[in-house]
């Protein structure tokens, strides 16, 4: 797929690690300059350095996306570093639901933390950055949701609730921003290979008393394509929705799960 982001400016939250980093690098390879946001300053520095080796501009902003005052620093950076130009916003930052407990055992504080991380962590940066795209009557917003935002899953109340709420936000934004020529869509990954997911798989396997390869095989066999997704698979889906190839798609979900949801 050849998508041209030459000369465009993109903001990627959660861009210092994992899927977010893969998305930021994919956009840079296609010609975009990047503002990469996250909590880990060292990871942001490393991601920005790699983007610069591709010949693109890259700036890192360390911020807690659930705090409005910190989110405003992202908008200020767009204003001062990129002269207010903004073409693409990808919200890849989020908080995983590690509790693995039924609803009647859920820790409410942990539930709230996941809701804040996934919902407010998307709402606040998008809200802060919308004026730049509205001013130019052009833009693409892609929110990283997940298959748990489309299908309930036991023992994951916080994760499912936050992702379902995010799905609602995407649809409202699509309706509100359509008149401004701004597309808003969601990418919904299934199980994606990486260090965090590997740690989660190891923990789940230990709780079940099975070898981690048994659990991995179960996940693979549950998908139509009999394989897990990679961060690059997700990044390629984001590239499509952020490009002009998706100019008439808005308020929709692009599921990247190897056919698990079928």
Protein backbone atom coordinates (compact mmCIF):
# COMPACT_ATOMS: atom_id res chain seq x y z
CA UNK A 1 0.00 0.00 0.00
CA UNK A 2 1.36 3.41 -0.96
CA UNK A 3 -0.09 6.29 1.01
CA UNK A 4 1.40 9.73 0.72
CA UNK A 5 1.72 11.81 3.88
CA UNK A 6 4.50 13.95 2.48
CA UNK A 7 4.60 17.29 4.27
CA UNK A 8 1.85 16.38 6.70
CA UNK A 9 2.04 16.64 10.48
CA UNK A 10 0.76 13.84 12.71
CA UNK A 11 0.32 13.51 16.46
CA UNK A 12 0.55 9.99 17.87
CA UNK A 13 -0.23 9.46 21.54
CA UNK A 14 1.35 6.40 23.10
CA UNK A 15 3.93 6.72 20.34
CA UNK A 16 6.99 5.87 22.39
CA UNK A 17 6.36 2.14 22.65
CA UNK A 18 4.60 -0.84 21.13
CA UNK A 19 1.76 -0.28 18.68
CA UNK A 20 1.96 3.49 18.99
CA UNK A 21 5.63 3.49 18.07
CA UNK A 22 4.94 1.25 15.06
CA UNK A 23 2.25 3.71 13.93
CA UNK A 24 4.53 6.73 14.34
CA UNK A 25 7.31 5.06 12.36
CA UNK A 26 4.89 3.97 9.62
CA UNK A 27 3.65 7.55 9.22
CA UNK A 28 7.23 8.82 9.12
CA UNK A 29 8.16 6.34 6.39
CA UNK A 30 5.27 7.72 4.34
CA UNK A 31 6.56 11.29 4.71
CA UNK A 32 4.88 12.71 7.82
CA UNK A 33 6.53 14.79 10.52
CA UNK A 34 5.66 13.59 14.00
CA UNK A 35 4.76 14.85 17.42
CA UNK A 36 5.06 11.79 19.63
CA UNK A 37 3.36 11.78 23.03
CA UNK A 38 3.70 9.48 26.02
CA UNK A 39 4.69 9.22 29.67
CA UNK A 40 8.14 7.66 29.28
CA UNK A 41 10.54 10.44 28.25
CA UNK A 42 13.35 8.01 27.43
CA UNK A 43 11.12 5.96 25.15
CA UNK A 44 9.93 9.14 23.43
CA UNK A 45 13.52 10.25 22.84
CA UNK A 46 14.40 6.89 21.30
CA UNK A 47 11.32 6.89 19.05
CA UNK A 48 12.00 10.45 17.88
CA UNK A 49 15.62 9.62 17.12
CA UNK A 50 14.53 6.67 14.97
CA UNK A 51 12.02 8.87 13.13
CA UNK A 52 14.74 11.44 12.43
CA UNK A 53 16.90 8.74 10.82
CA UNK A 54 14.08 8.48 8.26
CA UNK A 55 14.60 12.14 7.38
CA UNK A 56 11.49 13.42 9.15
CA UNK A 57 11.03 15.98 11.94
CA UNK A 58 10.09 14.52 15.30
CA UNK A 59 9.30 16.10 18.65
CA UNK A 60 8.46 14.25 21.86
CA UNK A 61 6.10 15.57 24.53
CA UNK A 62 5.90 13.78 27.88
CA UNK A 63 2.39 14.14 29.26
CA UNK A 64 -0.30 12.44 31.29
CA UNK A 65 -3.20 12.39 28.84
CA UNK A 66 -5.80 12.32 31.61
CA UNK A 67 -4.68 15.75 32.87
CA UNK A 68 -6.01 18.66 30.81
CA UNK A 69 -3.17 21.03 31.74
CA UNK A 70 -0.56 18.53 30.51
CA UNK A 71 -2.51 17.83 27.33
CA UNK A 72 -2.45 21.53 26.54
CA UNK A 73 1.34 21.21 26.09
CA UNK A 74 0.67 19.04 23.05
CA UNK A 75 -1.46 21.75 21.47
CA UNK A 76 1.16 24.36 22.28
CA UNK A 77 3.82 22.26 20.57
CA UNK A 78 1.70 22.00 17.41
CA UNK A 79 1.23 25.75 17.51
CA UNK A 80 4.89 26.68 18.00
CA UNK A 81 6.83 23.86 16.33
CA UNK A 82 4.58 23.14 13.35
CA UNK A 83 3.01 26.59 12.92
CA UNK A 84 -0.42 25.22 13.77
CA UNK A 85 -0.45 22.63 11.01
CA UNK A 86 -2.02 19.31 11.96
CA UNK A 87 -3.30 16.67 9.55
CA UNK A 88 -3.55 13.43 11.52
CA UNK A 89 -4.24 12.55 15.15
CA UNK A 90 -3.81 8.95 16.28
CA UNK A 91 -4.73 8.12 19.87
CA UNK A 92 -2.83 4.93 20.64
CA UNK A 93 -2.28 5.51 24.36
CA UNK A 94 -4.43 3.55 26.75
CA UNK A 95 -4.55 1.52 29.93
CA UNK A 96 -4.87 -2.25 30.05
CA UNK A 97 -7.35 -4.02 32.29
CA UNK A 98 -5.21 -6.46 34.27
CA UNK A 99 -7.68 -7.35 37.03
CA UNK A 100 -9.23 -10.43 35.41
CA UNK A 101 -12.02 -10.49 38.03
CA UNK A 102 -15.81 -10.86 37.84
CA UNK A 103 -17.83 -7.68 38.29
CA UNK A 104 -18.70 -8.39 41.92
CA UNK A 105 -14.99 -8.49 42.78
CA UNK A 106 -13.83 -5.52 40.70
CA UNK A 107 -11.84 -2.84 42.50
CA UNK A 108 -13.72 0.39 41.72
CA UNK A 109 -10.55 2.48 41.87
CA UNK A 110 -8.92 0.23 39.28
CA UNK A 111 -12.07 0.36 37.16
CA UNK A 112 -11.99 4.15 37.24
CA UNK A 113 -8.29 4.20 36.33
CA UNK A 114 -8.91 2.11 33.22
CA UNK A 115 -11.88 4.28 32.23
CA UNK A 116 -9.79 7.42 32.69
CA UNK A 117 -6.86 6.03 30.74
CA UNK A 118 -8.84 4.76 27.76
CA UNK A 119 -11.69 7.28 27.52
CA UNK A 120 -10.33 10.54 28.93
CA UNK A 121 -6.92 9.69 27.48
CA UNK A 122 -8.57 9.86 24.05
CA UNK A 123 -11.08 12.63 24.65
CA UNK A 124 -8.71 15.24 26.10
CA UNK A 125 -6.02 15.21 23.39
CA UNK A 126 -8.57 15.07 20.57
CA UNK A 127 -10.50 17.96 22.07
CA UNK A 128 -7.33 20.02 22.50
CA UNK A 129 -6.18 19.41 18.92
CA UNK A 130 -9.44 19.84 17.02
CA UNK A 131 -9.10 23.63 16.54
CA UNK A 132 -6.06 23.13 14.28
CA UNK A 133 -7.90 20.75 11.94
CA UNK A 134 -11.10 22.79 12.02
CA UNK A 135 -9.17 25.90 11.01
CA UNK A 136 -7.88 24.13 7.88
CA UNK A 137 -11.11 22.19 7.25
CA UNK A 138 -9.11 19.02 6.90
CA UNK A 139 -8.01 16.17 9.13
CA UNK A 140 -8.10 12.53 10.09
CA UNK A 141 -8.59 11.19 13.62
CA UNK A 142 -7.93 7.51 14.28
CA UNK A 143 -8.61 6.11 17.74
CA UNK A 144 -7.14 2.81 18.87
CA UNK A 145 -10.02 0.86 20.35
CA UNK A 146 -10.13 -2.95 20.46
CA UNK A 147 -12.28 -5.99 19.87
CA UNK A 148 -13.44 -5.77 23.51
CA UNK A 149 -15.21 -2.58 22.42
CA UNK A 150 -17.31 -4.67 20.04
CA UNK A 151 -17.84 -7.87 22.02
CA UNK A 152 -18.29 -8.44 25.73
CA UNK A 153 -15.74 -10.56 27.52
CA UNK A 154 -16.10 -12.00 31.03
CA UNK A 155 -13.75 -10.80 33.76
CA UNK A 156 -12.84 -7.66 31.83
CA UNK A 157 -15.49 -5.17 32.93
CA UNK A 158 -13.23 -2.13 32.90
CA UNK A 159 -11.57 -2.93 29.59
CA UNK A 160 -14.86 -3.64 27.81
CA UNK A 161 -16.70 -0.70 29.37
CA UNK A 162 -13.97 1.78 28.46
CA UNK A 163 -13.67 0.53 24.90
CA UNK A 164 -17.45 0.53 24.35
CA UNK A 165 -17.51 4.10 25.63
CA UNK A 166 -14.69 4.96 23.23
CA UNK A 167 -16.71 3.52 20.36
CA UNK A 168 -19.54 5.88 21.25
CA UNK A 169 -17.16 8.83 21.36
CA UNK A 170 -15.85 7.98 17.88
CA UNK A 171 -19.36 8.04 16.46
CA UNK A 172 -20.27 11.32 18.12
CA UNK A 173 -17.06 12.93 16.88
CA UNK A 174 -17.68 11.66 13.36
CA UNK A 175 -21.10 13.31 13.33
CA UNK A 176 -19.88 16.56 14.83
CA UNK A 177 -16.75 16.89 12.71
CA UNK A 178 -18.08 15.71 9.37
CA UNK A 179 -19.21 19.25 8.44
CA UNK A 180 -15.59 20.35 9.00
CA UNK A 181 -14.26 17.72 6.56
CA UNK A 182 -12.66 15.72 9.39
CA UNK A 183 -12.90 11.93 9.37
CA UNK A 184 -13.00 10.02 12.66
CA UNK A 185 -12.59 6.25 12.78
CA UNK A 186 -11.40 3.48 15.08
CA UNK A 187 -8.98 0.62 14.61
CA UNK A 188 -9.87 -2.40 16.75
CA UNK A 189 -6.96 -4.77 17.28
CA UNK A 190 -7.36 -8.23 18.67
CA UNK A 191 -4.43 -9.94 20.34
CA UNK A 192 -1.24 -8.21 19.17
CA UNK A 193 2.20 -9.72 19.68
CA UNK A 194 4.62 -7.67 21.75
CA UNK A 195 6.35 -7.47 25.15
CA UNK A 196 3.23 -6.37 27.07
CA UNK A 197 1.01 -9.01 25.53
CA UNK A 198 3.66 -11.67 26.06
CA UNK A 199 3.80 -10.77 29.75
CA UNK A 200 0.01 -10.92 29.96
CA UNK A 201 -0.04 -14.28 28.23
CA UNK A 202 2.60 -15.63 30.62
CA UNK A 203 0.59 -14.43 33.62
CA UNK A 204 -2.65 -15.95 32.29
CA UNK A 205 -0.91 -19.24 31.54
CA UNK A 206 0.50 -19.38 35.06
CA UNK A 207 -2.93 -18.79 36.60
CA UNK A 208 -4.39 -21.60 34.50
CA UNK A 209 -1.47 -23.89 35.24
CA UNK A 210 -0.65 -24.47 31.57
CA UNK A 211 2.39 -23.86 29.40
CA UNK A 212 2.38 -20.49 27.67
CA UNK A 213 2.58 -22.23 24.28
CA UNK A 214 -0.73 -23.95 25.02
CA UNK A 215 -2.38 -20.58 25.55
CA UNK A 216 -0.74 -19.14 22.45
CA UNK A 217 -1.98 -22.05 20.36
CA UNK A 218 -5.51 -21.53 21.67
CA UNK A 219 -5.41 -17.87 20.66
CA UNK A 220 -4.12 -18.73 17.20
CA UNK A 221 -6.69 -21.46 16.63
CA UNK A 222 -9.52 -19.11 17.65
CA UNK A 223 -8.68 -16.84 14.68
CA UNK A 224 -9.74 -17.60 11.12
CA UNK A 225 -6.20 -16.97 9.84
CA UNK A 226 -4.67 -19.07 12.64
CA UNK A 227 -2.16 -16.41 13.57
CA UNK A 228 -1.77 -13.45 15.89
CA UNK A 229 -1.53 -9.85 14.72
CA UNK A 230 1.60 -7.71 14.84
CA UNK A 231 2.03 -4.03 15.61
CA UNK A 232 2.76 -3.45 11.93
CA UNK A 233 -0.59 -5.02 11.00
CA UNK A 234 -2.30 -2.43 13.17
CA UNK A 235 -0.10 0.39 11.86
CA UNK A 236 -1.04 -0.46 8.26
CA UNK A 237 -4.74 -0.23 9.13
CA UNK A 238 -4.15 3.18 10.71
CA UNK A 239 -2.26 4.35 7.61
CA UNK A 240 -5.26 3.51 5.46
CA UNK A 241 -7.79 5.33 7.63
CA UNK A 242 -5.49 8.33 7.97
CA UNK A 243 -5.03 8.60 4.22
CA UNK A 244 -7.15 10.14 1.47
CA UNK A 245 -7.92 6.59 0.32
CA UNK A 246 -10.40 6.57 3.21
CA UNK A 247 -11.80 10.04 2.42
CA UNK A 248 -15.42 8.89 2.56
CA UNK A 249 -15.18 6.56 5.56
CA UNK A 250 -16.08 7.96 8.97
CA UNK A 251 -17.53 6.74 12.24
CA UNK A 252 -16.46 3.16 11.49
CA UNK A 253 -14.32 0.37 12.94
CA UNK A 254 -11.53 -1.45 11.15
CA UNK A 255 -10.98 -4.73 12.98
CA UNK A 256 -7.47 -6.23 12.91
CA UNK A 257 -7.77 -9.60 14.62
CA UNK A 258 -7.02 -12.32 12.06
CA UNK A 259 -10.71 -13.22 11.99
CA UNK A 260 -11.25 -13.81 15.72
CA UNK A 261 -14.53 -11.87 15.70
CA UNK A 262 -16.11 -13.95 12.92
